[in-house]
Amino acid sequence: LTMGWYRQAPGKQRELVATITSGSSTNYADSV
């Protein structure tokens, strides 16, 4: 499975933080 971390700050929508594929390829939000 491709997995991911999301976060939701107070008063804001849930956003995608980072993902990682089964082969460990990664992507990140610019903010992190």
Full PDB file with SEQRES, HELIX, SHEET, SSBOND, CRYST1, ORIGX, SCALE, CONECT and MASTER records, all heavy atoms in Angstrom:
SEQRES   1 A   32  LEU THR MET GLY TRP TYR ARG GLN ALA PRO GLY LYS GLN          
SEQRES   2 A   32  ARG GLU LEU VAL ALA THR ILE THR SER GLY SER SER THR          
SEQRES   3 A   32  ASN TYR ALA ASP SER VAL                                      
SHEET    1 AA1 3 MET A   3  ARG A   7  0                                        
SHEET    2 AA1 3 GLU A  15  ILE A  20 -1                                        
SHEET    3 AA1 3 THR A  26  TYR A  28 -1                                        
CRYST1    1.000    1.000    1.000  90.00  90.00  90.00 P 1           1          
ORIGX1      1.000000  0.000000  0.000000        0.00000                         
ORIGX2      0.000000  1.000000  0.000000        0.00000                         
ORIGX3      0.000000  0.000000  1.000000        0.00000                         
SCALE1      1.000000  0.000000  0.000000        0.00000                         
SCALE2      0.000000  1.000000  0.000000        0.00000                         
SCALE3      0.000000  0.000000  1.000000        0.00000                         
ATOM      1  N   LEU A   1       0.807  -1.214   0.000  1.00  0.00           N  
ATOM      2  CA  LEU A   1       0.000   0.000   0.000  1.00  0.00           C  
ATOM      3  C   LEU A   1       0.843   1.268   0.000  1.00  0.00           C  
ATOM      4  O   LEU A   1       1.849   1.347   0.709  1.00  0.00           O  
ATOM      5  CB  LEU A   1      -0.906   0.038   1.229  1.00  0.00           C  
ATOM      6  CG  LEU A   1      -1.996  -1.021   1.335  1.00  0.00           C  
ATOM      7  CD1 LEU A   1      -2.698  -0.890   2.678  1.00  0.00           C  
ATOM      8  CD2 LEU A   1      -2.991  -0.881   0.195  1.00  0.00           C  
ATOM      9  N   THR A   2       0.389   2.256  -0.767  1.00  0.00           N  
ATOM     10  CA  THR A   2       0.884   3.608  -0.569  1.00  0.00           C  
ATOM     11  C   THR A   2       0.233   4.176   0.690  1.00  0.00           C  
ATOM     12  O   THR A   2      -0.986   4.101   0.851  1.00  0.00           O  
ATOM     13  CB  THR A   2       0.568   4.495  -1.775  1.00  0.00           C  
ATOM     14  OG1 THR A   2       1.287   4.015  -2.908  1.00  0.00           O  
ATOM     15  CG2 THR A   2       0.973   5.936  -1.517  1.00  0.00           C  
ATOM     16  N   MET A   3       1.043   4.716   1.586  1.00  0.00           N  
ATOM     17  CA  MET A   3       0.576   5.244   2.860  1.00  0.00           C  
ATOM     18  C   MET A   3       0.852   6.745   2.929  1.00  0.00           C  
ATOM     19  O   MET A   3       1.693   7.276   2.199  1.00  0.00           O  
ATOM     20  CB  MET A   3       1.275   4.548   4.022  1.00  0.00           C  
ATOM     21  CG  MET A   3       1.073   3.046   4.072  1.00  0.00           C  
ATOM     22  SD  MET A   3      -0.636   2.584   4.487  1.00  0.00           S  
ATOM     23  CE  MET A   3      -0.777   3.268   6.146  1.00  0.00           C  
ATOM     24  N   GLY A   4       0.154   7.413   3.834  1.00  0.00           N  
ATOM     25  CA  GLY A   4       0.362   8.836   3.980  1.00  0.00           C  
ATOM     26  C   GLY A   4       0.077   9.343   5.372  1.00  0.00           C  
ATOM     27  O   GLY A   4      -0.593   8.685   6.172  1.00  0.00           O  
ATOM     28  N   TRP A   5       0.620  10.525   5.655  1.00  0.00           N  
ATOM     29  CA  TRP A   5       0.300  11.281   6.857  1.00  0.00           C  
ATOM     30  C   TRP A   5      -0.452  12.542   6.458  1.00  0.00           C  
ATOM     31  O   TRP A   5      -0.038  13.254   5.532  1.00  0.00           O  
ATOM     32  CB  TRP A   5       1.558  11.671   7.635  1.00  0.00           C  
ATOM     33  CG  TRP A   5       2.229  10.549   8.345  1.00  0.00           C  
ATOM     34  CD1 TRP A   5       3.299   9.828   7.908  1.00  0.00           C  
ATOM     35  CD2 TRP A   5       1.885  10.036   9.638  1.00  0.00           C  
ATOM     36  NE1 TRP A   5       3.649   8.886   8.855  1.00  0.00           N  
ATOM     37  CE2 TRP A   5       2.797   8.990   9.921  1.00  0.00           C  
ATOM     38  CE3 TRP A   5       0.903  10.351  10.573  1.00  0.00           C  
ATOM     39  CZ2 TRP A   5       2.747   8.264  11.111  1.00  0.00           C  
ATOM     40  CZ3 TRP A   5       0.859   9.627  11.750  1.00  0.00           C  
ATOM     41  CH2 TRP A   5       1.773   8.598  12.003  1.00  0.00           C  
ATOM     42  N   TYR A   6      -1.542  12.797   7.140  1.00  0.00           N  
ATOM     43  CA  TYR A   6      -2.304  14.026   7.011  1.00  0.00           C  
ATOM     44  C   TYR A   6      -2.284  14.756   8.345  1.00  0.00           C  
ATOM     45  O   TYR A   6      -1.953  14.175   9.383  1.00  0.00           O  
ATOM     46  CB  TYR A   6      -3.759  13.745   6.644  1.00  0.00           C  
ATOM     47  CG  TYR A   6      -4.000  13.257   5.230  1.00  0.00           C  
ATOM     48  CD1 TYR A   6      -3.642  11.972   4.836  1.00  0.00           C  
ATOM     49  CD2 TYR A   6      -4.626  14.082   4.299  1.00  0.00           C  
ATOM     50  CE1 TYR A   6      -3.885  11.524   3.551  1.00  0.00           C  
ATOM     51  CE2 TYR A   6      -4.880  13.640   3.011  1.00  0.00           C  
ATOM     52  CZ  TYR A   6      -4.508  12.356   2.641  1.00  0.00           C  
ATOM     53  OH  TYR A   6      -4.760  11.915   1.364  1.00  0.00           O  
ATOM     54  N   ARG A   7      -2.663  16.026   8.325  1.00  0.00           N  
ATOM     55  CA  ARG A   7      -2.837  16.758   9.568  1.00  0.00           C  
ATOM     56  C   ARG A   7      -3.979  17.750   9.440  1.00  0.00           C  
ATOM     57  O   ARG A   7      -4.320  18.193   8.340  1.00  0.00           O  
ATOM     58  CB  ARG A   7      -1.559  17.475   9.989  1.00  0.00           C  
ATOM     59  CG  ARG A   7      -1.153  18.634   9.087  1.00  0.00           C  
ATOM     60  CD  ARG A   7       0.182  19.198   9.538  1.00  0.00           C  
ATOM     61  NE  ARG A   7       0.603  20.321   8.719  1.00  0.00           N  
ATOM     62  CZ  ARG A   7       1.776  20.922   8.823  1.00  0.00           C  
ATOM     63  NH1 ARG A   7       2.670  20.506   9.731  1.00  0.00           N  
ATOM     64  NH2 ARG A   7       2.082  21.947   8.037  1.00  0.00           N  
ATOM     65  N   GLN A   8      -4.567  18.082  10.566  1.00  0.00           N  
ATOM     66  CA  GLN A   8      -5.630  19.064  10.614  1.00  0.00           C  
ATOM     67  C   GLN A   8      -5.366  20.008  11.776  1.00  0.00           C  
ATOM     68  O   GLN A   8      -5.407  19.602  12.935  1.00  0.00           O  
ATOM     69  CB  GLN A   8      -6.996  18.401  10.759  1.00  0.00           C  
ATOM     70  CG  GLN A   8      -8.155  19.368  10.608  1.00  0.00           C  
ATOM     71  CD  GLN A   8      -9.473  18.656  10.359  1.00  0.00           C  
ATOM     72  OE1 GLN A   8      -9.620  17.480  10.679  1.00  0.00           O  
ATOM     73  NE2 GLN A   8     -10.423  19.368   9.786  1.00  0.00           N  
ATOM     74  N   ALA A   9      -5.084  21.257  11.449  1.00  0.00           N  
ATOM     75  CA  ALA A   9      -4.842  22.288  12.443  1.00  0.00           C  
ATOM     76  C   ALA A   9      -6.162  22.928  12.849  1.00  0.00           C  
ATOM     77  O   ALA A   9      -7.144  22.869  12.101  1.00  0.00           O  
ATOM     78  CB  ALA A   9      -3.893  23.342  11.887  1.00  0.00           C  
ATOM     79  N   PRO A  10      -6.209  23.568  14.017  1.00  0.00           N  
ATOM     80  CA  PRO A  10      -7.446  24.209  14.461  1.00  0.00           C  
ATOM     81  C   PRO A  10      -7.968  25.206  13.432  1.00  0.00           C  
ATOM     82  O   PRO A  10      -7.220  26.061  12.953  1.00  0.00           O  
ATOM     83  CB  PRO A  10      -7.034  24.920  15.748  1.00  0.00           C  
ATOM     84  CG  PRO A  10      -5.876  24.122  16.256  1.00  0.00           C  
ATOM     85  CD  PRO A  10      -5.142  23.680  15.029  1.00  0.00           C  
ATOM     86  N   GLY A  11      -9.246  25.080  13.077  1.00  0.00           N  
ATOM     87  CA  GLY A  11      -9.875  25.991  12.144  1.00  0.00           C  
ATOM     88  C   GLY A  11      -9.512  25.792  10.689  1.00  0.00           C  
ATOM     89  O   GLY A  11      -9.912  26.603   9.852  1.00  0.00           O  
ATOM     90  N   LYS A  12      -8.776  24.736  10.370  1.00  0.00           N  
ATOM     91  CA  LYS A  12      -8.350  24.504   8.999  1.00  0.00           C  
ATOM     92  C   LYS A  12      -8.777  23.129   8.508  1.00  0.00           C  
ATOM     93  O   LYS A  12      -9.132  22.253   9.293  1.00  0.00           O  
ATOM     94  CB  LYS A  12      -6.834  24.652   8.878  1.00  0.00           C  
ATOM     95  CG  LYS A  12      -6.329  26.053   9.165  1.00  0.00           C  
ATOM     96  CD  LYS A  12      -4.889  26.215   8.762  1.00  0.00           C  
ATOM     97  CE  LYS A  12      -4.440  27.656   8.923  1.00  0.00           C  
ATOM     98  NZ  LYS A  12      -3.039  27.847   8.485  1.00  0.00           N  
ATOM     99  N   GLN A  13      -8.742  22.951   7.183  1.00  0.00           N  
ATOM    100  CA  GLN A  13      -9.065  21.669   6.580  1.00  0.00           C  
ATOM    101  C   GLN A  13      -7.913  20.683   6.760  1.00  0.00           C  
ATOM    102  O   GLN A  13      -6.759  21.078   6.937  1.00  0.00           O  
ATOM    103  CB  GLN A  13      -9.363  21.832   5.093  1.00  0.00           C  
ATOM    104  CG  GLN A  13     -10.604  22.633   4.772  1.00  0.00           C  
ATOM    105  CD  GLN A  13     -10.942  22.573   3.301  1.00  0.00           C  
ATOM    106  OE1 GLN A  13     -11.375  21.526   2.799  1.00  0.00           O  
ATOM    107  NE2 GLN A  13     -10.738  23.675   2.606  1.00  0.00           N  
ATOM    108  N   ARG A  14      -8.253  19.418   6.700  1.00  0.00           N  
ATOM    109  CA  ARG A  14      -7.230  18.387   6.744  1.00  0.00           C  
ATOM    110  C   ARG A  14      -6.375  18.469   5.482  1.00  0.00           C  
ATOM    111  O   ARG A  14      -6.889  18.615   4.378  1.00  0.00           O  
ATOM    112  CB  ARG A  14      -7.887  17.014   6.862  1.00  0.00           C  
ATOM    113  CG  ARG A  14      -6.930  15.889   7.187  1.00  0.00           C  
ATOM    114  CD  ARG A  14      -7.681  14.596   7.493  1.00  0.00           C  
ATOM    115  NE  ARG A  14      -8.529  14.730   8.673  1.00  0.00           N  
ATOM    116  CZ  ARG A  14      -9.192  13.725   9.225  1.00  0.00           C  
ATOM    117  NH1 ARG A  14      -9.106  12.501   8.718  1.00  0.00           N  
ATOM    118  NH2 ARG A  14      -9.952  13.946  10.289  1.00  0.00           N  
ATOM    119  N   GLU A  15      -5.062  18.386   5.651  1.00  0.00           N  
ATOM    120  CA  GLU A  15      -4.146  18.491   4.530  1.00  0.00           C  
ATOM    121  C   GLU A  15      -3.173  17.319   4.498  1.00  0.00           C  
ATOM    122  O   GLU A  15      -2.800  16.773   5.534  1.00  0.00           O  
ATOM    123  CB  GLU A  15      -3.366  19.810   4.583  1.00  0.00           C  
ATOM    124  CG  GLU A  15      -2.443  19.934   5.778  1.00  0.00           C  
ATOM    125  CD  GLU A  15      -1.569  21.175   5.729  1.00  0.00           C  
ATOM    126  OE1 GLU A  15      -1.402  21.759   4.634  1.00  0.00           O  
ATOM    127  OE2 GLU A  15      -1.036  21.567   6.790  1.00  0.00           O  
ATOM    128  N   LEU A  16      -2.757  16.983   3.299  1.00  0.00           N  
ATOM    129  CA  LEU A  16      -1.775  15.924   3.109  1.00  0.00           C  
ATOM    130  C   LEU A  16      -0.389  16.449   3.437  1.00  0.00           C  
ATOM    131  O   LEU A  16       0.038  17.480   2.910  1.00  0.00           O  
ATOM    132  CB  LEU A  16      -1.825  15.416   1.668  1.00  0.00           C  
ATOM    133  CG  LEU A  16      -0.867  14.291   1.297  1.00  0.00           C  
ATOM    134  CD1 LEU A  16      -1.168  13.036   2.101  1.00  0.00           C  
ATOM    135  CD2 LEU A  16      -0.947  14.013  -0.195  1.00  0.00           C  
ATOM    136  N   VAL A  17       0.322  15.735   4.290  1.00  0.00           N  
ATOM    137  CA  VAL A  17       1.662  16.123   4.718  1.00  0.00           C  
ATOM    138  C   VAL A  17       2.734  15.408   3.908  1.00  0.00           C  
ATOM    139  O   VAL A  17       3.688  16.025   3.427  1.00  0.00           O  
ATOM    140  CB  VAL A  17       1.859  15.844   6.219  1.00  0.00           C  
ATOM    141  CG1 VAL A  17       3.294  16.137   6.650  1.00  0.00           C  
ATOM    142  CG2 VAL A  17       0.874  16.661   7.043  1.00  0.00           C  
ATOM    143  N   ALA A  18       2.596  14.089   3.764  1.00  0.00           N  
ATOM    144  CA  ALA A  18       3.602  13.289   3.080  1.00  0.00           C  
ATOM    145  C   ALA A  18       3.017  11.953   2.683  1.00  0.00           C  
ATOM    146  O   ALA A  18       2.081  11.464   3.318  1.00  0.00           O  
ATOM    147  CB  ALA A  18       4.829  13.072   3.975  1.00  0.00           C  
ATOM    148  N   THR A  19       3.570  11.357   1.635  1.00  0.00           N  
ATOM    149  CA  THR A  19       3.184  10.014   1.210  1.00  0.00           C  
ATOM    150  C   THR A  19       4.427   9.172   1.000  1.00  0.00           C  
ATOM    151  O   THR A  19       5.521   9.692   0.759  1.00  0.00           O  
ATOM    152  CB  THR A  19       2.368  10.007  -0.094  1.00  0.00           C  
ATOM    153  OG1 THR A  19       3.144  10.579  -1.150  1.00  0.00           O  
ATOM    154  CG2 THR A  19       1.071  10.780   0.074  1.00  0.00           C  
ATOM    155  N   ILE A  20       4.229   7.860   1.075  1.00  0.00           N  
ATOM    156  CA  ILE A  20       5.302   6.919   0.803  1.00  0.00           C  
ATOM    157  C   ILE A  20       4.714   5.698   0.118  1.00  0.00           C  
ATOM    158  O   ILE A  20       3.723   5.132   0.572  1.00  0.00           O  
ATOM    159  CB  ILE A  20       6.069   6.548   2.096  1.00  0.00           C  
ATOM    160  CG1 ILE A  20       7.246   5.621   1.776  1.00  0.00           C  
ATOM    161  CG2 ILE A  20       5.132   5.952   3.141  1.00  0.00           C  
ATOM    162  CD1 ILE A  20       8.234   5.499   2.931  1.00  0.00           C  
ATOM    163  N   THR A  21       5.315   5.295  -1.004  1.00  0.00           N  
ATOM    164  CA  THR A  21       4.836   4.146  -1.755  1.00  0.00           C  
ATOM    165  C   THR A  21       5.378   2.858  -1.165  1.00  0.00           C  
ATOM    166  O   THR A  21       6.205   2.859  -0.256  1.00  0.00           O  
ATOM    167  CB  THR A  21       5.250   4.236  -3.225  1.00  0.00           C  
ATOM    168  OG1 THR A  21       6.668   4.076  -3.325  1.00  0.00           O  
ATOM    169  CG2 THR A  21       4.831   5.566  -3.838  1.00  0.00           C  
ATOM    170  N   SER A  22       4.907   1.739  -1.722  1.00  0.00           N  
ATOM    171  CA  SER A  22       5.397   0.437  -1.277  1.00  0.00           C  
ATOM    172  C   SER A  22       6.892   0.282  -1.512  1.00  0.00           C  
ATOM    173  O   SER A  22       7.553  -0.466  -0.788  1.00  0.00           O  
ATOM    174  CB  SER A  22       4.641  -0.687  -1.984  1.00  0.00           C  
ATOM    175  OG  SER A  22       4.809  -0.606  -3.394  1.00  0.00           O  
ATOM    176  N   GLY A  23       7.419   0.995  -2.505  1.00  0.00           N  
ATOM    177  CA  GLY A  23       8.841   0.980  -2.789  1.00  0.00           C  
ATOM    178  C   GLY A  23       9.616   2.096  -2.117  1.00  0.00           C  
ATOM    179  O   GLY A  23      10.777   2.324  -2.456  1.00  0.00           O  
ATOM    180  N   SER A  24       8.969   2.811  -1.195  1.00  0.00           N  
ATOM    181  CA  SER A  24       9.579   3.870  -0.387  1.00  0.00           C  
ATOM    182  C   SER A  24       9.914   5.130  -1.168  1.00  0.00           C  
ATOM    183  O   SER A  24      10.789   5.905  -0.769  1.00  0.00           O  
ATOM    184  CB  SER A  24      10.820   3.354   0.352  1.00  0.00           C  
ATOM    185  OG  SER A  24      10.464   2.365   1.303  1.00  0.00           O  
ATOM    186  N   SER A  25       9.206   5.368  -2.268  1.00  0.00           N  
ATOM    187  CA  SER A  25       9.271   6.665  -2.924  1.00  0.00           C  
ATOM    188  C   SER A  25       8.422   7.649  -2.124  1.00  0.00           C  
ATOM    189  O   SER A  25       7.302   7.329  -1.738  1.00  0.00           O  
ATOM    190  CB  SER A  25       8.755   6.563  -4.353  1.00  0.00           C  
ATOM    191  OG  SER A  25       8.772   7.817  -4.995  1.00  0.00           O  
ATOM    192  N   THR A  26       8.938   8.856  -1.878  1.00  0.00           N  
ATOM    193  CA  THR A  26       8.274   9.802  -0.981  1.00  0.00           C  
ATOM    194  C   THR A  26       7.943  11.116  -1.657  1.00  0.00           C  
ATOM    195  O   THR A  26       8.600  11.534  -2.608  1.00  0.00           O  
ATOM    196  CB  THR A  26       9.148  10.088   0.252  1.00  0.00           C  
ATOM    197  OG1 THR A  26      10.395  10.653  -0.175  1.00  0.00           O  
ATOM    198  CG2 THR A  26       9.410   8.811   1.031  1.00  0.00           C  
ATOM    199  N   ASN A  27       6.915  11.776  -1.126  1.00  0.00           N  
ATOM    200  CA  ASN A  27       6.548  13.129  -1.523  1.00  0.00           C  
ATOM    201  C   ASN A  27       6.130  13.897  -0.284  1.00  0.00           C  
ATOM    202  O   ASN A  27       5.570  13.326   0.649  1.00  0.00           O  
ATOM    203  CB  ASN A  27       5.409  13.124  -2.539  1.00  0.00           C  
ATOM    204  CG  ASN A  27       5.858  12.742  -3.921  1.00  0.00           C  
ATOM    205  OD1 ASN A  27       6.490  13.528  -4.613  1.00  0.00           O  
ATOM    206  ND2 ASN A  27       5.546  11.519  -4.339  1.00  0.00           N  
ATOM    207  N   TYR A  28       6.398  15.213  -0.285  1.00  0.00           N  
ATOM    208  CA  TYR A  28       6.130  16.061   0.867  1.00  0.00           C  
ATOM    209  C   TYR A  28       5.414  17.336   0.468  1.00  0.00           C  
ATOM    210  O   TYR A  28       5.648  17.886  -0.618  1.00  0.00           O  
ATOM    211  CB  TYR A  28       7.432  16.447   1.568  1.00  0.00           C  
ATOM    212  CG  TYR A  28       8.211  15.287   2.113  1.00  0.00           C  
ATOM    213  CD1 TYR A  28       9.175  14.647   1.348  1.00  0.00           C  
ATOM    214  CD2 TYR A  28       7.976  14.822   3.406  1.00  0.00           C  
ATOM    215  CE1 TYR A  28       9.889  13.574   1.850  1.00  0.00           C  
ATOM    216  CE2 TYR A  28       8.688  13.757   3.913  1.00  0.00           C  
ATOM    217  CZ  TYR A  28       9.647  13.130   3.133  1.00  0.00           C  
ATOM    218  OH  TYR A  28      10.351  12.070   3.635  1.00  0.00           O  
ATOM    219  N   ALA A  29       4.568  17.816   1.360  1.00  0.00           N  
ATOM    220  CA  ALA A  29       4.022  19.147   1.208  1.00  0.00           C  
ATOM    221  C   ALA A  29       5.147  20.170   1.321  1.00  0.00           C  
ATOM    222  O   ALA A  29       6.108  19.975   2.071  1.00  0.00           O  
ATOM    223  CB  ALA A  29       2.966  19.415   2.276  1.00  0.00           C  
ATOM    224  N   ASP A  30       5.030  21.264   0.572  1.00  0.00           N  
ATOM    225  CA  ASP A  30       6.073  22.289   0.600  1.00  0.00           C  
ATOM    226  C   ASP A  30       6.321  22.825   2.011  1.00  0.00           C  
ATOM    227  O   ASP A  30       7.453  23.172   2.356  1.00  0.00           O  
ATOM    228  CB  ASP A  30       5.703  23.445  -0.324  1.00  0.00           C  
ATOM    229  CG  ASP A  30       5.826  23.092  -1.789  1.00  0.00           C  
ATOM    230  OD1 ASP A  30       6.494  22.092  -2.119  1.00  0.00           O  
ATOM    231  OD2 ASP A  30       5.257  23.827  -2.613  1.00  0.00           O  
ATOM    232  N   SER A  31       5.284  22.878   2.816  1.00  0.00           N  
ATOM    233  CA  SER A  31       5.394  23.451   4.144  1.00  0.00           C  
ATOM    234  C   SER A  31       6.273  22.640   5.094  1.00  0.00           C  
ATOM    235  O   SER A  31       6.746  23.171   6.094  1.00  0.00           O  
ATOM    236  CB  SER A  31       4.006  23.626   4.762  1.00  0.00           C  
ATOM    237  OG  SER A  31       3.325  22.386   4.843  1.00  0.00           O  
ATOM    238  N   VAL A  32       6.487  21.359   4.785  1.00  0.00           N  
ATOM    239  CA  VAL A  32       7.270  20.504   5.673  1.00  0.00           C  
ATOM    240  C   VAL A  32       8.541  19.979   5.020  1.00  0.00           C  
ATOM    241  O   VAL A  32       9.358  19.336   5.699  1.00  0.00           O  
ATOM    242  CB  VAL A  32       6.441  19.321   6.207  1.00  0.00           C  
ATOM    243  CG1 VAL A  32       5.149  19.812   6.837  1.00  0.00           C  
ATOM    244  CG2 VAL A  32       6.157  18.304   5.105  1.00  0.00           C  
TER     245      VAL A  32                                                      
MASTER        0    0    0    0    3    0    0    6  244    1    0    3          
END                                                                             
